[in-house]
Structures are given as C-alpha cells and as structure tokens.
C-alpha atoms as a PDB file:
ATOM      1  CA  UNK A   1     -77.860 -78.031  27.413  1.00  0.00           C
ATOM      2  CA  UNK A   2     -75.788 -78.434  30.509  1.00  0.00           C
ATOM      3  CA  UNK A   3     -73.581 -81.963  31.026  1.00  0.00           C
ATOM      4  CA  UNK A   4     -74.983 -81.647  34.847  1.00  0.00           C
ATOM      5  CA  UNK A   5     -78.148 -82.332  34.053  1.00  0.00           C
ATOM      6  CA  UNK A   6     -77.508 -85.509  31.671  1.00  0.00           C
ATOM      7  CA  UNK A   7     -74.953 -87.442  34.315  1.00  0.00           C
ATOM      8  CA  UNK A   8     -76.361 -87.382  37.929  1.00  0.00           C
ATOM      9  CA  UNK A   9     -73.609 -88.738  40.678  1.00  0.00           C
ATOM     10  CA  UNK A  10     -74.772 -90.267  43.264  1.00  0.00           C
ATOM     11  CA  UNK A  11     -72.091 -89.526  45.931  1.00  0.00           C
ATOM     12  CA  UNK A  12     -70.670 -92.434  47.847  1.00  0.00           C
ATOM     13  CA  UNK A  13     -72.243 -91.782  52.070  1.00  0.00           C
ATOM     14  CA  UNK A  14     -68.892 -94.257  53.010  1.00  0.00           C
ATOM     15  CA  UNK A  15     -67.006 -91.427  52.043  1.00  0.00           C
ATOM     16  CA  UNK A  16     -65.968 -88.428  54.618  1.00  0.00           C
ATOM     17  CA  UNK A  17     -64.482 -85.322  53.681  1.00  0.00           C
ATOM     18  CA  UNK A  18     -60.981 -85.568  52.306  1.00  0.00           C
ATOM     19  CA  UNK A  19     -58.196 -83.075  52.147  1.00  0.00           C
ATOM     20  CA  UNK A  20     -54.757 -83.453  50.033  1.00  0.00           C
ATOM     21  CA  UNK A  21     -52.215 -84.533  53.035  1.00  0.00           C
ATOM     22  CA  UNK A  22     -54.610 -86.312  54.700  1.00  0.00           C
ATOM     23  CA  UNK A  23     -53.746 -90.441  55.420  1.00  0.00           C
ATOM     24  CA  UNK A  24     -56.873 -92.630  54.533  1.00  0.00           C
ATOM     25  CA  UNK A  25     -57.438 -95.944  54.542  1.00  0.00           C
ATOM     26  CA  UNK A  26     -59.508 -97.414  51.845  1.00  0.00           C
ATOM     27  CA  UNK A  27     -61.334-100.547  51.711  1.00  0.00           C
ATOM     28  CA  UNK A  28     -61.951-101.718  48.205  1.00  0.00           C
ATOM     29  CA  UNK A  29     -64.350-104.397  46.715  1.00  0.00           C
ATOM     30  CA  UNK A  30     -61.984-107.224  44.776  1.00  0.00           C
ATOM     31  CA  UNK A  31     -63.787-109.623  42.709  1.00  0.00           C
ATOM     32  CA  UNK A  32     -62.133-112.895  42.246  1.00  0.00           C
ATOM     33  CA  UNK A  33     -63.999-115.238  39.934  1.00  0.00           C
ATOM     34  CA  UNK A  34     -67.103-115.745  42.368  1.00  0.00           C
ATOM     35  CA  UNK A  35     -65.754-114.174  45.363  1.00  0.00           C
ATOM     36  CA  UNK A  36     -65.536-111.084  46.884  1.00  0.00           C
ATOM     37  CA  UNK A  37     -63.643-109.349  49.197  1.00  0.00           C
ATOM     38  CA  UNK A  38     -62.327-106.244  50.921  1.00  0.00           C
ATOM     39  CA  UNK A  39     -58.051-104.625  50.191  1.00  0.00           C
ATOM     40  CA  UNK A  40     -57.367-102.093  51.808  1.00  0.00           C
ATOM     41  CA  UNK A  41     -55.111 -99.884  50.416  1.00  0.00           C
ATOM     42  CA  UNK A  42     -53.642 -96.986  53.027  1.00  0.00           C
ATOM     43  CA  UNK A  43     -51.512 -94.039  51.697  1.00  0.00           C
ATOM     44  CA  UNK A  44     -51.854 -90.436  51.378  1.00  0.00           C
ATOM     45  CA  UNK A  45     -53.644 -88.869  49.619  1.00  0.00           C
ATOM     46  CA  UNK A  46     -51.951 -86.238  47.062  1.00  0.00           C
ATOM     47  CA  UNK A  47     -54.470 -85.108  44.552  1.00  0.00           C
ATOM     48  CA  UNK A  48     -58.456 -84.210  44.900  1.00  0.00           C
ATOM     49  CA  UNK A  49     -60.286 -83.595  41.396  1.00  0.00           C
ATOM     50  CA  UNK A  50     -63.932 -82.579  41.817  1.00  0.00           C
ATOM     51  CA  UNK A  51     -65.555 -82.068  38.744  1.00  0.00           C
ATOM     52  CA  UNK A  52     -69.425 -82.631  37.391  1.00  0.00           C
ATOM     53  CA  UNK A  53     -68.886 -86.193  36.626  1.00  0.00           C
ATOM     54  CA  UNK A  54     -68.508 -86.608  40.945  1.00  0.00           C
ATOM     55  CA  UNK A  55     -64.788 -86.771  41.034  1.00  0.00           C
ATOM     56  CA  UNK A  56     -62.046 -88.545  42.122  1.00  0.00           C
ATOM     57  CA  UNK A  57     -59.196 -89.022  44.665  1.00  0.00           C
ATOM     58  CA  UNK A  58     -55.044 -89.945  44.225  1.00  0.00           C
ATOM     59  CA  UNK A  59     -53.897 -92.179  47.229  1.00  0.00           C
ATOM     60  CA  UNK A  60     -50.272 -92.699  47.396  1.00  0.00           C
ATOM     61  CA  UNK A  61     -48.137 -95.683  49.037  1.00  0.00           C
ATOM     62  CA  UNK A  62     -44.444 -96.670  48.652  1.00  0.00           C
ATOM     63  CA  UNK A  63     -44.834-100.571  48.745  1.00  0.00           C
ATOM     64  CA  UNK A  64     -41.069-102.413  48.984  1.00  0.00           C
ATOM     65  CA  UNK A  65     -39.589 -99.698  47.835  1.00  0.00           C
ATOM     66  CA  UNK A  66     -41.919 -98.282  44.987  1.00  0.00           C
ATOM     67  CA  UNK A  67     -44.170 -96.177  44.754  1.00  0.00           C
ATOM     68  CA  UNK A  68     -47.530 -97.531  44.061  1.00  0.00           C
ATOM     69  CA  UNK A  69     -50.337 -94.599  43.512  1.00  0.00           C
ATOM     70  CA  UNK A  70     -53.745 -95.693  42.616  1.00  0.00           C
ATOM     71  CA  UNK A  71     -57.065 -93.460  41.996  1.00  0.00           C
ATOM     72  CA  UNK A  72     -60.412 -94.363  43.386  1.00  0.00           C
ATOM     73  CA  UNK A  73     -63.734 -92.437  42.271  1.00  0.00           C
ATOM     74  CA  UNK A  74     -66.194 -90.212  44.873  1.00  0.00           C
ATOM     75  CA  UNK A  75     -69.137 -91.877  43.532  1.00  0.00           C
ATOM     76  CA  UNK A  76     -67.925 -95.679  42.815  1.00  0.00           C
ATOM     77  CA  UNK A  77     -69.964 -98.564  44.982  1.00  0.00           C
ATOM     78  CA  UNK A  78     -66.311-100.652  44.555  1.00  0.00           C
ATOM     79  CA  UNK A  79     -65.223 -98.590  47.442  1.00  0.00           C
ATOM     80  CA  UNK A  80     -66.423 -99.848  50.856  1.00  0.00           C
ATOM     81  CA  UNK A  81     -65.209 -97.323  52.801  1.00  0.00           C
ATOM     82  CA  UNK A  82     -62.365 -94.631  53.666  1.00  0.00           C
ATOM     83  CA  UNK A  83     -61.180 -94.046  56.778  1.00  0.00           C
ATOM     84  CA  UNK A  84     -59.182 -91.139  57.964  1.00  0.00           C
ATOM     85  CA  UNK A  85     -56.274 -92.247  59.970  1.00  0.00           C
ATOM     86  CA  UNK A  86     -54.493 -89.170  60.333  1.00  0.00           C
ATOM     87  CA  UNK A  87     -55.103 -85.221  59.044  1.00  0.00           C
ATOM     88  CA  UNK A  88     -51.329 -83.830  57.247  1.00  0.00           C
ATOM     89  CA  UNK A  89     -50.677 -80.321  57.346  1.00  0.00           C
ATOM     90  CA  UNK A  90     -49.650 -79.027  53.771  1.00  0.00           C
ATOM     91  CA  UNK A  91     -50.222 -75.814  51.755  1.00  0.00           C
ATOM     92  CA  UNK A  92     -51.017 -76.872  48.104  1.00  0.00           C
ATOM     93  CA  UNK A  93     -53.904 -78.764  46.573  1.00  0.00           C
ATOM     94  CA  UNK A  94     -51.643 -81.488  44.605  1.00  0.00           C
ATOM     95  CA  UNK A  95     -48.561 -83.036  46.307  1.00  0.00           C
ATOM     96  CA  UNK A  96     -46.963 -84.233  43.611  1.00  0.00           C
ATOM     97  CA  UNK A  97     -43.359 -83.071  45.371  1.00  0.00           C
ATOM     98  CA  UNK A  98     -43.976 -86.311  47.414  1.00  0.00           C
ATOM     99  CA  UNK A  99     -43.160 -88.471  43.945  1.00  0.00           C
ATOM    100  CA  UNK A 100     -39.322 -87.016  44.712  1.00  0.00           C
ATOM    101  CA  UNK A 101     -39.097 -87.897  47.963  1.00  0.00           C
ATOM    102  CA  UNK A 102     -38.237 -90.807  50.003  1.00  0.00           C
ATOM    103  CA  UNK A 103     -38.117 -91.810  53.489  1.00  0.00           C
ATOM    104  CA  UNK A 104     -38.745 -89.492  56.488  1.00  0.00           C
ATOM    105  CA  UNK A 105     -38.371 -86.625  53.791  1.00  0.00           C
ATOM    106  CA  UNK A 106     -41.575 -87.867  52.262  1.00  0.00           C
ATOM    107  CA  UNK A 107     -43.573 -87.982  55.938  1.00  0.00           C
ATOM    108  CA  UNK A 108     -45.636 -84.486  56.406  1.00  0.00           C
ATOM    109  CA  UNK A 109     -46.670 -83.125  60.289  1.00  0.00           C
ATOM    110  CA  UNK A 110     -49.788 -83.919  61.453  1.00  0.00           C
ATOM    111  CA  UNK A 111     -52.548 -81.363  61.583  1.00  0.00           C
ATOM    112  CA  UNK A 112     -55.127 -81.749  64.565  1.00  0.00           C
ATOM    113  CA  UNK A 113     -58.225 -81.448  63.540  1.00  0.00           C
ATOM    114  CA  UNK A 114     -61.983 -81.271  65.443  1.00  0.00           C
ATOM    115  CA  UNK A 115     -64.023 -79.183  62.729  1.00  0.00           C
ATOM    116  CA  UNK A 116     -64.013 -81.818  60.194  1.00  0.00           C
ATOM    117  CA  UNK A 117     -65.782 -84.094  62.376  1.00  0.00           C
ATOM    118  CA  UNK A 118     -69.508 -83.915  61.498  1.00  0.00           C
ATOM    119  CA  UNK A 119     -71.128 -82.025  64.794  1.00  0.00           C
ATOM    120  CA  UNK A 120     -74.832 -81.477  65.423  1.00  0.00           C
ATOM    121  CA  UNK A 121     -76.242 -78.401  65.724  1.00  0.00           C
ATOM    122  CA  UNK A 122     -77.128 -78.155  69.504  1.00  0.00           C
ATOM    123  CA  UNK A 123     -80.410 -75.995  70.408  1.00  0.00           C
ATOM    124  CA  UNK A 124     -80.111 -73.721  73.606  1.00  0.00           C
ATOM    125  CA  UNK A 125     -82.140 -75.116  76.316  1.00  0.00           C
ATOM    126  CA  UNK A 126     -85.165 -72.566  77.149  1.00  0.00           C
ATOM    127  CA  UNK A 127     -84.274 -70.915  80.724  1.00  0.00           C
ATOM    128  CA  UNK A 128     -86.880 -71.711  83.296  1.00  0.00           C
ATOM    129  CA  UNK A 129     -88.594 -69.664  85.280  1.00  0.00           C
ATOM    130  CA  UNK A 130     -88.109 -69.396  88.990  1.00  0.00           C
ATOM    131  CA  UNK A 131     -90.546 -67.410  91.030  1.00  0.00           C
ATOM    132  CA  UNK A 132     -88.017 -64.681  92.959  1.00  0.00           C
ATOM    133  CA  UNK A 133     -88.058 -64.567  96.017  1.00  0.00           C
ATOM    134  CA  UNK A 134     -86.588 -61.753  97.587  1.00  0.00           C
ATOM    135  CA  UNK A 135     -83.055 -62.504  99.315  1.00  0.00           C
ATOM    136  CA  UNK A 136     -82.818 -61.427 102.734  1.00  0.00           C
ATOM    137  CA  UNK A 137     -79.545 -60.351 103.110  1.00  0.00           C
ATOM    138  CA  UNK A 138     -77.554 -60.215 106.053  1.00  0.00           C
ATOM    139  CA  UNK A 139     -78.023 -56.877 108.145  1.00  0.00           C
ATOM    140  CA  UNK A 140     -74.471 -55.981 108.538  1.00  0.00           C
ATOM    141  CA  UNK A 141     -73.136 -54.463 112.444  1.00  0.00           C
ATOM    142  CA  UNK A 142     -72.964 -50.575 112.461  1.00  0.00           C
ATOM    143  CA  UNK A 143     -70.151 -49.907 113.497  1.00  0.00           C
ATOM    144  CA  UNK A 144     -70.663 -46.956 116.329  1.00  0.00           C
ATOM    145  CA  UNK A 145     -69.134 -44.004 116.027  1.00  0.00           C
ATOM    146  CA  UNK A 146     -65.921 -43.166 118.356  1.00  0.00           C
ATOM    147  CA  UNK A 147     -65.841 -40.638 120.804  1.00  0.00           C
ATOM    148  CA  UNK A 148     -62.771 -38.368 119.835  1.00  0.00           C
ATOM    149  CA  UNK A 149     -61.114 -37.072 122.312  1.00  0.00           C
ATOM    150  CA  UNK A 150     -62.039 -33.383 122.394  1.00  0.00           C
ATOM    151  CA  UNK A 151     -59.302 -31.272 124.016  1.00  0.00           C
ATOM    152  CA  UNK A 152     -59.389 -28.796 126.798  1.00  0.00           C
ATOM    153  CA  UNK A 153     -57.903 -25.506 126.139  1.00  0.00           C
ATOM    154  CA  UNK A 154     -55.201 -24.505 128.256  1.00  0.00           C
ATOM    155  CA  UNK A 155     -55.898 -22.020 131.410  1.00  0.00           C
ATOM    156  CA  UNK A 156     -52.530 -19.709 131.604  1.00  0.00           C
END
C-alpha cells in the first residue's frame, strides 16, 4: 500500500517556486473571533521540506532582537499568497547557521534570477515566402587597361 495514494495533496497555487535563501512575504489568514484578516510575515527561507504530504517551508526573521521562525505548509489554505522579495545567493539547502548570526553577518548576497519567472514558450513564426525578383546589380565601370609606354631600343 502506497501512502501517496491515501493522501492526495493539492498544492496551493498562490505559492511560487521557492529556494533556500529567498526573502519572502507570506500573507497568512488569521481568524480572530468572527473576523478574518491577513497578517504578513516577512523573512528568509531557511528550510524547505518536500515530501509526499505536500511539504513545508520555514521562514526566519528577527523581530525586536529576537529570532522568530515560522513553518508554513505548501498545501495550507491559510496561506493567502507568497511574494518573493529577493533571491539569496546560498550554497546550502538548510540555512541553520543563520540562527547564530545577527546584524550584518546574517545578511545574504542577492542572486539575480530571471529564469525562475514562468516563461511562455514562443512559437517560431513561419517565414512568409515572397516572390523572388531578380535584383539588378549596378554595373561597375570597367577600367580601361592603361597603355604602357614602350621603350624603344636605343640605336647606337
């Protein structure tokens, strides 16, 4: 029996492709009594866990000098949207070392990414066949051969 057949995960379409080191804004639905509002949590993605049940990602931020980590499920309906603010340049999958860093030491370099945006395939246009007309090339004036001065043998 396969566990994947028992749990069908429906990924949230409002979550883009994420990578560790990305700075994200996560809008979460918060229910207080009979009211519902959106709460934004902005921080760095330090961990992504992908599994059969959909997986999760952990976002870390420092609030008033205290590090706060929050884990969100990829398939959670409580996550309204996720916006990637910047892509960080990292060489690890789990960024637990950021927990010991503070201030400027905890910053990540920015990675310029254009390929993560969804690109629609471009269909090549069919070339339109035009009737080929013979192009007349301008005739170049031919130079006349210069008459070489012949030396006459000297008579002595």
